[in-house]
Amino acid sequence: MITFARTVIYTITNIYAIRMAGVFMLSLGTIWLRTRAMPRRFVYLTYLLALVLLIAINLSLWMIMIFPLWVLAVSLYILVVSLRGQADEATGVIGGEG
């Protein structure tokens, strides 16, 4: 019974949760591409990683770590850009001049 439950949970995690994360990444990448909210390199990286999640997730269990690491990278990028904007406001730099 425990082996069956473990197999069911593993299947649900791999098939539904990870692939839903890949679809989410594709959707967000498309939004970023159309609104130009993020640099194109992040958009293309997002598309690439989403396709890996959708297609090659069965190759290794370590592939599950793609989504959390992607979220970390995007979060750090947003944080750095935000802090850079605040530093520019504090020094009085306008439009990259200075």
PDB file of N, CA and C in Angstrom:
ATOM      1  N   MET A   1       0.830  -1.201   0.000  1.00  0.00           N
ATOM      2  CA  MET A   1       0.000   0.000   0.000  1.00  0.00           C
ATOM      3  C   MET A   1       0.866   1.252   0.000  1.00  0.00           C
ATOM      4  N   ILE A   2       1.937   1.246   0.788  1.00  0.00           N
ATOM      5  CA  ILE A   2       2.812   2.418   0.851  1.00  0.00           C
ATOM      6  C   ILE A   2       3.518   2.625  -0.484  1.00  0.00           C
ATOM      7  N   THR A   3       3.938   1.543  -1.117  1.00  0.00           N
ATOM      8  CA  THR A   3       4.603   1.648  -2.419  1.00  0.00           C
ATOM      9  C   THR A   3       3.655   2.230  -3.466  1.00  0.00           C
ATOM     10  N   PHE A   4       2.404   1.807  -3.434  1.00  0.00           N
ATOM     11  CA  PHE A   4       1.413   2.339  -4.362  1.00  0.00           C
ATOM     12  C   PHE A   4       1.199   3.827  -4.124  1.00  0.00           C
ATOM     13  N   ALA A   5       1.055   4.221  -2.875  1.00  0.00           N
ATOM     14  CA  ALA A   5       0.847   5.639  -2.551  1.00  0.00           C
ATOM     15  C   ALA A   5       2.044   6.471  -2.987  1.00  0.00           C
ATOM     16  N   ARG A   6       3.244   5.969  -2.758  1.00  0.00           N
ATOM     17  CA  ARG A   6       4.455   6.684  -3.167  1.00  0.00           C
ATOM     18  C   ARG A   6       4.495   6.853  -4.689  1.00  0.00           C
ATOM     19  N   THR A   7       4.120   5.822  -5.410  1.00  0.00           N
ATOM     20  CA  THR A   7       4.111   5.881  -6.870  1.00  0.00           C
ATOM     21  C   THR A   7       3.083   6.885  -7.374  1.00  0.00           C
ATOM     22  N   VAL A   8       1.914   6.904  -6.756  1.00  0.00           N
ATOM     23  CA  VAL A   8       0.870   7.850  -7.160  1.00  0.00           C
ATOM     24  C   VAL A   8       1.321   9.289  -6.906  1.00  0.00           C
ATOM     25  N   ILE A   9       1.881   9.558  -5.752  1.00  0.00           N
ATOM     26  CA  ILE A   9       2.356  10.910  -5.432  1.00  0.00           C
ATOM     27  C   ILE A   9       3.469  11.327  -6.374  1.00  0.00           C
ATOM     28  N   TYR A  10       4.395  10.431  -6.666  1.00  0.00           N
ATOM     29  CA  TYR A  10       5.494  10.716  -7.592  1.00  0.00           C
ATOM     30  C   TYR A  10       4.945  11.056  -8.980  1.00  0.00           C
ATOM     31  N   THR A  11       3.965  10.302  -9.442  1.00  0.00           N
ATOM     32  CA  THR A  11       3.370  10.539 -10.755  1.00  0.00           C
ATOM     33  C   THR A  11       2.637  11.875 -10.791  1.00  0.00           C
ATOM     34  N   ILE A  12       1.871  12.153  -9.763  1.00  0.00           N
ATOM     35  CA  ILE A  12       1.152  13.425  -9.706  1.00  0.00           C
ATOM     36  C   ILE A  12       2.135  14.588  -9.702  1.00  0.00           C
ATOM     37  N   THR A  13       3.196  14.470  -8.933  1.00  0.00           N
ATOM     38  CA  THR A  13       4.190  15.537  -8.864  1.00  0.00           C
ATOM     39  C   THR A  13       4.851  15.756 -10.218  1.00  0.00           C
ATOM     40  N   ASN A  14       5.284  14.681 -10.844  1.00  0.00           N
ATOM     41  CA  ASN A  14       5.990  14.825 -12.120  1.00  0.00           C
ATOM     42  C   ASN A  14       5.078  15.231 -13.262  1.00  0.00           C
ATOM     43  N   ILE A  15       3.961  14.588 -13.382  1.00  0.00           N
ATOM     44  CA  ILE A  15       3.122  14.831 -14.546  1.00  0.00           C
ATOM     45  C   ILE A  15       2.376  16.149 -14.426  1.00  0.00           C
ATOM     46  N   TYR A  16       1.784  16.413 -13.297  1.00  0.00           N
ATOM     47  CA  TYR A  16       0.933  17.592 -13.198  1.00  0.00           C
ATOM     48  C   TYR A  16       1.666  18.829 -12.691  1.00  0.00           C
ATOM     49  N   ALA A  17       2.286  18.752 -11.563  1.00  0.00           N
ATOM     50  CA  ALA A  17       2.888  19.950 -10.957  1.00  0.00           C
ATOM     51  C   ALA A  17       4.032  20.504 -11.786  1.00  0.00           C
ATOM     52  N   ILE A  18       4.952  19.670 -12.204  1.00  0.00           N
ATOM     53  CA  ILE A  18       6.107  20.152 -12.951  1.00  0.00           C
ATOM     54  C   ILE A  18       5.696  20.626 -14.339  1.00  0.00           C
ATOM     55  N   ARG A  19       4.811  19.927 -14.960  1.00  0.00           N
ATOM     56  CA  ARG A  19       4.361  20.365 -16.285  1.00  0.00           C
ATOM     57  C   ARG A  19       3.506  21.630 -16.188  1.00  0.00           C
ATOM     58  N   MET A  20       2.752  21.785 -15.113  1.00  0.00           N
ATOM     59  CA  MET A  20       2.021  23.045 -14.909  1.00  0.00           C
ATOM     60  C   MET A  20       2.997  24.196 -14.715  1.00  0.00           C
ATOM     61  N   ALA A  21       4.106  23.943 -14.040  1.00  0.00           N
ATOM     62  CA  ALA A  21       5.135  24.967 -13.891  1.00  0.00           C
ATOM     63  C   ALA A  21       5.698  25.349 -15.257  1.00  0.00           C
ATOM     64  N   GLY A  22       5.898  24.369 -16.131  1.00  0.00           N
ATOM     65  CA  GLY A  22       6.375  24.653 -17.482  1.00  0.00           C
ATOM     66  C   GLY A  22       5.389  25.482 -18.278  1.00  0.00           C
ATOM     67  N   VAL A  23       4.111  25.181 -18.167  1.00  0.00           N
ATOM     68  CA  VAL A  23       3.086  25.970 -18.860  1.00  0.00           C
ATOM     69  C   VAL A  23       3.034  27.388 -18.291  1.00  0.00           C
ATOM     70  N   PHE A  24       3.166  27.512 -16.984  1.00  0.00           N
ATOM     71  CA  PHE A  24       3.211  28.828 -16.358  1.00  0.00           C
ATOM     72  C   PHE A  24       4.393  29.638 -16.893  1.00  0.00           C
ATOM     73  N   MET A  25       5.539  28.989 -17.026  1.00  0.00           N
ATOM     74  CA  MET A  25       6.725  29.676 -17.541  1.00  0.00           C
ATOM     75  C   MET A  25       6.523  30.117 -18.987  1.00  0.00           C
ATOM     76  N   LEU A  26       5.899  29.280 -19.801  1.00  0.00           N
ATOM     77  CA  LEU A  26       5.613  29.662 -21.180  1.00  0.00           C
ATOM     78  C   LEU A  26       4.676  30.866 -21.233  1.00  0.00           C
ATOM     79  N   SER A  27       3.661  30.861 -20.398  1.00  0.00           N
ATOM     80  CA  SER A  27       2.715  31.976 -20.361  1.00  0.00           C
ATOM     81  C   SER A  27       3.396  33.266 -19.923  1.00  0.00           C
ATOM     82  N   LEU A  28       4.191  33.173 -18.881  1.00  0.00           N
ATOM     83  CA  LEU A  28       4.876  34.362 -18.379  1.00  0.00           C
ATOM     84  C   LEU A  28       5.907  34.863 -19.381  1.00  0.00           C
ATOM     85  N   GLY A  29       6.602  33.955 -20.044  1.00  0.00           N
ATOM     86  CA  GLY A  29       7.551  34.353 -21.078  1.00  0.00           C
ATOM     87  C   GLY A  29       6.870  35.091 -22.220  1.00  0.00           C
ATOM     88  N   THR A  30       5.684  34.637 -22.613  1.00  0.00           N
ATOM     89  CA  THR A  30       4.933  35.307 -23.668  1.00  0.00           C
ATOM     90  C   THR A  30       4.478  36.692 -23.224  1.00  0.00           C
ATOM     91  N   ILE A  31       4.038  36.803 -21.993  1.00  0.00           N
ATOM     92  CA  ILE A  31       3.642  38.117 -21.464  1.00  0.00           C
ATOM     93  C   ILE A  31       4.846  39.063 -21.461  1.00  0.00           C
ATOM     94  N   TRP A  32       5.991  38.569 -21.004  1.00  0.00           N
ATOM     95  CA  TRP A  32       7.203  39.392 -20.986  1.00  0.00           C
ATOM     96  C   TRP A  32       7.611  39.809 -22.383  1.00  0.00           C
ATOM     97  N   LEU A  33       7.481  38.899 -23.347  1.00  0.00           N
ATOM     98  CA  LEU A  33       7.880  39.191 -24.719  1.00  0.00           C
ATOM     99  C   LEU A  33       6.994  40.272 -25.326  1.00  0.00           C
ATOM    100  N   ARG A  34       5.716  40.181 -25.087  1.00  0.00           N
ATOM    101  CA  ARG A  34       4.772  41.135 -25.690  1.00  0.00           C
ATOM    102  C   ARG A  34       4.775  42.493 -24.991  1.00  0.00           C
ATOM    103  N   THR A  35       5.007  42.512 -23.681  1.00  0.00           N
ATOM    104  CA  THR A  35       5.004  43.778 -22.953  1.00  0.00           C
ATOM    105  C   THR A  35       6.399  44.372 -22.796  1.00  0.00           C
ATOM    106  N   ARG A  36       7.413  43.592 -23.150  1.00  0.00           N
ATOM    107  CA  ARG A  36       8.815  43.993 -22.995  1.00  0.00           C
ATOM    108  C   ARG A  36       9.122  44.357 -21.542  1.00  0.00           C
ATOM    109  N   ALA A  37       8.524  43.615 -20.627  1.00  0.00           N
ATOM    110  CA  ALA A  37       8.725  43.859 -19.201  1.00  0.00           C
ATOM    111  C   ALA A  37      10.058  43.305 -18.703  1.00  0.00           C
ATOM    112  N   MET A  38      10.600  42.328 -19.419  1.00  0.00           N
ATOM    113  CA  MET A  38      11.879  41.718 -19.038  1.00  0.00           C
ATOM    114  C   MET A  38      12.765  41.670 -20.275  1.00  0.00           C
ATOM    115  N   PRO A  39      14.074  41.598 -20.065  1.00  0.00           N
ATOM    116  CA  PRO A  39      14.986  41.494 -21.215  1.00  0.00           C
ATOM    117  C   PRO A  39      14.730  40.217 -22.013  1.00  0.00           C
ATOM    118  N   ARG A  40      15.024  40.299 -23.284  1.00  0.00           N
ATOM    119  CA  ARG A  40      14.791  39.154 -24.161  1.00  0.00           C
ATOM    120  C   ARG A  40      15.575  37.917 -23.731  1.00  0.00           C
ATOM    121  N   ARG A  41      16.746  38.107 -23.129  1.00  0.00           N
ATOM    122  CA  ARG A  41      17.528  36.936 -22.707  1.00  0.00           C
ATOM    123  C   ARG A  41      16.773  36.125 -21.659  1.00  0.00           C
ATOM    124  N   PHE A  42      16.034  36.802 -20.774  1.00  0.00           N
ATOM    125  CA  PHE A  42      15.228  36.077 -19.790  1.00  0.00           C
ATOM    126  C   PHE A  42      14.040  35.396 -20.460  1.00  0.00           C
ATOM    127  N   VAL A  43      13.483  36.052 -21.459  1.00  0.00           N
ATOM    128  CA  VAL A  43      12.350  35.449 -22.166  1.00  0.00           C
ATOM    129  C   VAL A  43      12.790  34.161 -22.858  1.00  0.00           C
ATOM    130  N   TYR A  44      13.899  34.212 -23.574  1.00  0.00           N
ATOM    131  CA  TYR A  44      14.370  33.022 -24.284  1.00  0.00           C
ATOM    132  C   TYR A  44      14.833  31.934 -23.317  1.00  0.00           C
ATOM    133  N   LEU A  45      15.471  32.330 -22.225  1.00  0.00           N
ATOM    134  CA  LEU A  45      15.852  31.362 -21.205  1.00  0.00           C
ATOM    135  C   LEU A  45      14.613  30.702 -20.599  1.00  0.00           C
ATOM    136  N   THR A  46      13.584  31.491 -20.379  1.00  0.00           N
ATOM    137  CA  THR A  46      12.329  30.973 -19.832  1.00  0.00           C
ATOM    138  C   THR A  46      11.699  29.969 -20.786  1.00  0.00           C
ATOM    139  N   TYR A  47      11.661  30.304 -22.076  1.00  0.00           N
ATOM    140  CA  TYR A  47      11.120  29.365 -23.058  1.00  0.00           C
ATOM    141  C   TYR A  47      11.914  28.062 -23.084  1.00  0.00           C
ATOM    142  N   LEU A  48      13.218  28.171 -23.072  1.00  0.00           N
ATOM    143  CA  LEU A  48      14.076  26.983 -23.113  1.00  0.00           C
ATOM    144  C   LEU A  48      13.842  26.088 -21.896  1.00  0.00           C
ATOM    145  N   LEU A  49      13.844  26.700 -20.707  1.00  0.00           N
ATOM    146  CA  LEU A  49      13.650  25.916 -19.489  1.00  0.00           C
ATOM    147  C   LEU A  49      12.242  25.327 -19.413  1.00  0.00           C
ATOM    148  N   ALA A  50      11.248  26.068 -19.900  1.00  0.00           N
ATOM    149  CA  ALA A  50       9.875  25.548 -19.906  1.00  0.00           C
ATOM    150  C   ALA A  50       9.767  24.327 -20.812  1.00  0.00           C
ATOM    151  N   LEU A  51      10.405  24.383 -21.976  1.00  0.00           N
ATOM    152  CA  LEU A  51      10.380  23.219 -22.867  1.00  0.00           C
ATOM    153  C   LEU A  51      11.079  22.025 -22.237  1.00  0.00           C
ATOM    154  N   VAL A  52      12.165  22.281 -21.508  1.00  0.00           N
ATOM    155  CA  VAL A  52      12.840  21.188 -20.805  1.00  0.00           C
ATOM    156  C   VAL A  52      11.900  20.574 -19.774  1.00  0.00           C
ATOM    157  N   LEU A  53      11.171  21.423 -19.048  1.00  0.00           N
ATOM    158  CA  LEU A  53      10.233  20.898 -18.049  1.00  0.00           C
ATOM    159  C   LEU A  53       9.110  20.096 -18.703  1.00  0.00           C
ATOM    160  N   LEU A  54       8.671  20.532 -19.858  1.00  0.00           N
ATOM    161  CA  LEU A  54       7.563  19.839 -20.514  1.00  0.00           C
ATOM    162  C   LEU A  54       7.995  18.552 -21.208  1.00  0.00           C
ATOM    163  N   ILE A  55       9.205  18.523 -21.733  1.00  0.00           N
ATOM    164  CA  ILE A  55       9.612  17.393 -22.563  1.00  0.00           C
ATOM    165  C   ILE A  55      10.538  16.428 -21.831  1.00  0.00           C
ATOM    166  N   ALA A  56      11.560  16.946 -21.177  1.00  0.00           N
ATOM    167  CA  ALA A  56      12.639  16.091 -20.673  1.00  0.00           C
ATOM    168  C   ALA A  56      12.604  15.876 -19.168  1.00  0.00           C
ATOM    169  N   ILE A  57      11.478  16.066 -18.538  1.00  0.00           N
ATOM    170  CA  ILE A  57      11.402  15.948 -17.083  1.00  0.00           C
ATOM    171  C   ILE A  57      11.673  14.521 -16.621  1.00  0.00           C
ATOM    172  N   ASN A  58      11.440  13.535 -17.460  1.00  0.00           N
ATOM    173  CA  ASN A  58      11.612  12.138 -17.063  1.00  0.00           C
ATOM    174  C   ASN A  58      13.065  11.679 -17.066  1.00  0.00           C
ATOM    175  N   LEU A  59      13.989  12.509 -17.542  1.00  0.00           N
ATOM    176  CA  LEU A  59      15.386  12.099 -17.623  1.00  0.00           C
ATOM    177  C   LEU A  59      16.057  12.006 -16.257  1.00  0.00           C
ATOM    178  N   SER A  60      15.729  12.940 -15.365  1.00  0.00           N
ATOM    179  CA  SER A  60      16.376  12.959 -14.062  1.00  0.00           C
ATOM    180  C   SER A  60      15.475  13.653 -13.040  1.00  0.00           C
ATOM    181  N   LEU A  61      15.587  13.220 -11.801  1.00  0.00           N
ATOM    182  CA  LEU A  61      14.825  13.881 -10.737  1.00  0.00           C
ATOM    183  C   LEU A  61      15.340  15.298 -10.473  1.00  0.00           C
ATOM    184  N   TRP A  62      16.592  15.554 -10.826  1.00  0.00           N
ATOM    185  CA  TRP A  62      17.154  16.890 -10.614  1.00  0.00           C
ATOM    186  C   TRP A  62      16.499  17.940 -11.504  1.00  0.00           C
ATOM    187  N   MET A  63      15.811  17.521 -12.541  1.00  0.00           N
ATOM    188  CA  MET A  63      15.111  18.459 -13.423  1.00  0.00           C
ATOM    189  C   MET A  63      14.013  19.210 -12.666  1.00  0.00           C
ATOM    190  N   ILE A  64      13.550  18.643 -11.578  1.00  0.00           N
ATOM    191  CA  ILE A  64      12.515  19.292 -10.778  1.00  0.00           C
ATOM    192  C   ILE A  64      13.022  20.612 -10.209  1.00  0.00           C
ATOM    193  N   MET A  65      14.332  20.732 -10.032  1.00  0.00           N
ATOM    194  CA  MET A  65      14.923  21.946  -9.461  1.00  0.00           C
ATOM    195  C   MET A  65      14.973  23.111 -10.447  1.00  0.00           C
ATOM    196  N   ILE A  66      14.635  22.876 -11.708  1.00  0.00           N
ATOM    197  CA  ILE A  66      14.679  23.958 -12.698  1.00  0.00           C
ATOM    198  C   ILE A  66      13.733  25.084 -12.319  1.00  0.00           C
ATOM    199  N   PHE A  67      12.506  24.765 -11.958  1.00  0.00           N
ATOM    200  CA  PHE A  67      11.527  25.811 -11.660  1.00  0.00           C
ATOM    201  C   PHE A  67      11.921  26.658 -10.450  1.00  0.00           C
ATOM    202  N   PRO A  68      12.283  26.080  -9.314  1.00  0.00           N
ATOM    203  CA  PRO A  68      12.683  26.937  -8.186  1.00  0.00           C
ATOM    204  C   PRO A  68      13.923  27.789  -8.492  1.00  0.00           C
ATOM    205  N   LEU A  69      14.874  27.240  -9.226  1.00  0.00           N
ATOM    206  CA  LEU A  69      16.065  28.023  -9.572  1.00  0.00           C
ATOM    207  C   LEU A  69      15.721  29.148 -10.540  1.00  0.00           C
ATOM    208  N   TRP A  70      14.786  28.904 -11.447  1.00  0.00           N
ATOM    209  CA  TRP A  70      14.323  29.945 -12.362  1.00  0.00           C
ATOM    210  C   TRP A  70      13.621  31.067 -11.579  1.00  0.00           C
ATOM    211  N   VAL A  71      12.791  30.693 -10.644  1.00  0.00           N
ATOM    212  CA  VAL A  71      12.115  31.693  -9.806  1.00  0.00           C
ATOM    213  C   VAL A  71      13.142  32.515  -9.029  1.00  0.00           C
ATOM    214  N   LEU A  72      14.167  31.870  -8.495  1.00  0.00           N
ATOM    215  CA  LEU A  72      15.229  32.573  -7.783  1.00  0.00           C
ATOM    216  C   LEU A  72      15.946  33.564  -8.697  1.00  0.00           C
ATOM    217  N   ALA A  73      16.279  33.141  -9.914  1.00  0.00           N
ATOM    218  CA  ALA A  73      16.983  34.021 -10.850  1.00  0.00           C
ATOM    219  C   ALA A  73      16.138  35.231 -11.226  1.00  0.00           C
ATOM    220  N   VAL A  74      14.869  35.017 -11.516  1.00  0.00           N
ATOM    221  CA  VAL A  74      13.989  36.124 -11.875  1.00  0.00           C
ATOM    222  C   VAL A  74      13.805  37.067 -10.685  1.00  0.00           C
ATOM    223  N   SER A  75      13.640  36.518  -9.504  1.00  0.00           N
ATOM    224  CA  SER A  75      13.470  37.339  -8.308  1.00  0.00           C
ATOM    225  C   SER A  75      14.705  38.186  -8.024  1.00  0.00           C
ATOM    226  N   LEU A  76      15.875  37.582  -8.156  1.00  0.00           N
ATOM    227  CA  LEU A  76      17.111  38.330  -7.938  1.00  0.00           C
ATOM    228  C   LEU A  76      17.274  39.430  -8.984  1.00  0.00           C
ATOM    229  N   TYR A  77      16.921  39.148 -10.227  1.00  0.00           N
ATOM    230  CA  TYR A  77      17.005  40.171 -11.269  1.00  0.00           C
ATOM    231  C   TYR A  77      16.088  41.351 -10.945  1.00  0.00           C
ATOM    232  N   ILE A  78      14.859  41.064 -10.563  1.00  0.00           N
ATOM    233  CA  ILE A  78      13.914  42.132 -10.219  1.00  0.00           C
ATOM    234  C   ILE A  78      14.413  42.918  -9.016  1.00  0.00           C
ATOM    235  N   LEU A  79      14.972  42.241  -8.026  1.00  0.00           N
ATOM    236  CA  LEU A  79      15.503  42.904  -6.846  1.00  0.00           C
ATOM    237  C   LEU A  79      16.661  43.829  -7.207  1.00  0.00           C
ATOM    238  N   VAL A  80      17.586  43.355  -8.025  1.00  0.00           N
ATOM    239  CA  VAL A  80      18.742  44.169  -8.414  1.00  0.00           C
ATOM    240  C   VAL A  80      18.292  45.393  -9.209  1.00  0.00           C
ATOM    241  N   VAL A  81      17.381  45.212 -10.148  1.00  0.00           N
ATOM    242  CA  VAL A  81      16.897  46.341 -10.940  1.00  0.00           C
ATOM    243  C   VAL A  81      16.171  47.338 -10.055  1.00  0.00           C
ATOM    244  N   SER A  82      15.405  46.844  -9.109  1.00  0.00           N
ATOM    245  CA  SER A  82      14.687  47.725  -8.189  1.00  0.00           C
ATOM    246  C   SER A  82      15.650  48.507  -7.312  1.00  0.00           C
ATOM    247  N   LEU A  83      16.652  47.841  -6.767  1.00  0.00           N
ATOM    248  CA  LEU A  83      17.628  48.534  -5.917  1.00  0.00           C
ATOM    249  C   LEU A  83      18.458  49.527  -6.725  1.00  0.00           C
ATOM    250  N   ARG A  84      18.775  49.185  -7.952  1.00  0.00           N
ATOM    251  CA  ARG A  84      19.522  50.102  -8.811  1.00  0.00           C
ATOM    252  C   ARG A  84      18.698  51.355  -9.085  1.00  0.00           C
ATOM    253  N   GLY A  85      17.385  51.185  -9.288  1.00  0.00           N
ATOM    254  CA  GLY A  85      16.502  52.341  -9.501  1.00  0.00           C
ATOM    255  C   GLY A  85      16.432  53.226  -8.278  1.00  0.00           C
ATOM    256  N   GLN A  86      16.397  52.614  -7.097  1.00  0.00           N
ATOM    257  CA  GLN A  86      16.370  53.410  -5.863  1.00  0.00           C
ATOM    258  C   GLN A  86      17.691  54.135  -5.663  1.00  0.00           C
ATOM    259  N   ALA A  87      18.794  53.511  -6.009  1.00  0.00           N
ATOM    260  CA  ALA A  87      20.105  54.159  -5.874  1.00  0.00           C
ATOM    261  C   ALA A  87      20.206  55.337  -6.843  1.00  0.00           C
ATOM    262  N   ASP A  88      19.666  55.200  -8.052  1.00  0.00           N
ATOM    263  CA  ASP A  88      19.676  56.290  -9.009  1.00  0.00           C
ATOM    264  C   ASP A  88      18.837  57.462  -8.505  1.00  0.00           C
ATOM    265  N   GLU A  89      17.694  57.160  -7.878  1.00  0.00           N
ATOM    266  CA  GLU A  89      16.856  58.223  -7.326  1.00  0.00           C
ATOM    267  C   GLU A  89      17.575  58.930  -6.173  1.00  0.00           C
ATOM    268  N   ALA A  90      18.294  58.180  -5.355  1.00  0.00           N
ATOM    269  CA  ALA A  90      18.971  58.775  -4.197  1.00  0.00           C
ATOM    270  C   ALA A  90      20.118  59.678  -4.632  1.00  0.00           C
ATOM    271  N   THR A  91      20.792  59.347  -5.719  1.00  0.00           N
ATOM    272  CA  THR A  91      21.925  60.159  -6.174  1.00  0.00           C
ATOM    273  C   THR A  91      21.504  61.247  -7.135  1.00  0.00           C
ATOM    274  N   GLY A  92      20.253  61.230  -7.571  1.00  0.00           N
ATOM    275  CA  GLY A  92      19.773  62.254  -8.470  1.00  0.00           C
ATOM    276  C   GLY A  92      20.080  61.991  -9.930  1.00  0.00           C
ATOM    277  N   VAL A  93      20.477  60.774 -10.263  1.00  0.00           N
ATOM    278  CA  VAL A  93      20.781  60.434 -11.644  1.00  0.00           C
ATOM    279  C   VAL A  93      19.463  60.239 -12.386  1.00  0.00           C
ATOM    280  N   ILE A  94      19.335  60.935 -13.513  1.00  0.00           N
ATOM    281  CA  ILE A  94      18.103  60.849 -14.289  1.00  0.00           C
ATOM    282  C   ILE A  94      18.438  60.347 -15.687  1.00  0.00           C
ATOM    283  N   GLY A  95      17.776  59.283 -16.093  1.00  0.00           N
ATOM    284  CA  GLY A  95      17.940  58.770 -17.443  1.00  0.00           C
ATOM    285  C   GLY A  95      19.306  58.194 -17.741  1.00  0.00           C
ATOM    286  N   GLY A  96      20.021  57.762 -16.739  1.00  0.00           N
ATOM    287  CA  GLY A  96      21.319  57.142 -16.947  1.00  0.00           C
ATOM    288  C   GLY A  96      22.445  58.145 -17.124  1.00  0.00           C
ATOM    289  N   GLU A  97      22.180  59.436 -16.939  1.00  0.00           N
ATOM    290  CA  GLU A  97      23.229  60.435 -17.063  1.00  0.00           C
ATOM    291  C   GLU A  97      24.008  60.521 -15.764  1.00  0.00           C
ATOM    292  N   GLY A  98      25.226  60.921 -15.860  1.00  0.00           N
ATOM    293  CA  GLY A  98      25.941  61.128 -14.606  1.00  0.00           C
ATOM    294  C   GLY A  98      27.252  60.596 -14.633  1.00  0.00           C
TER     295      GLY A  98
END
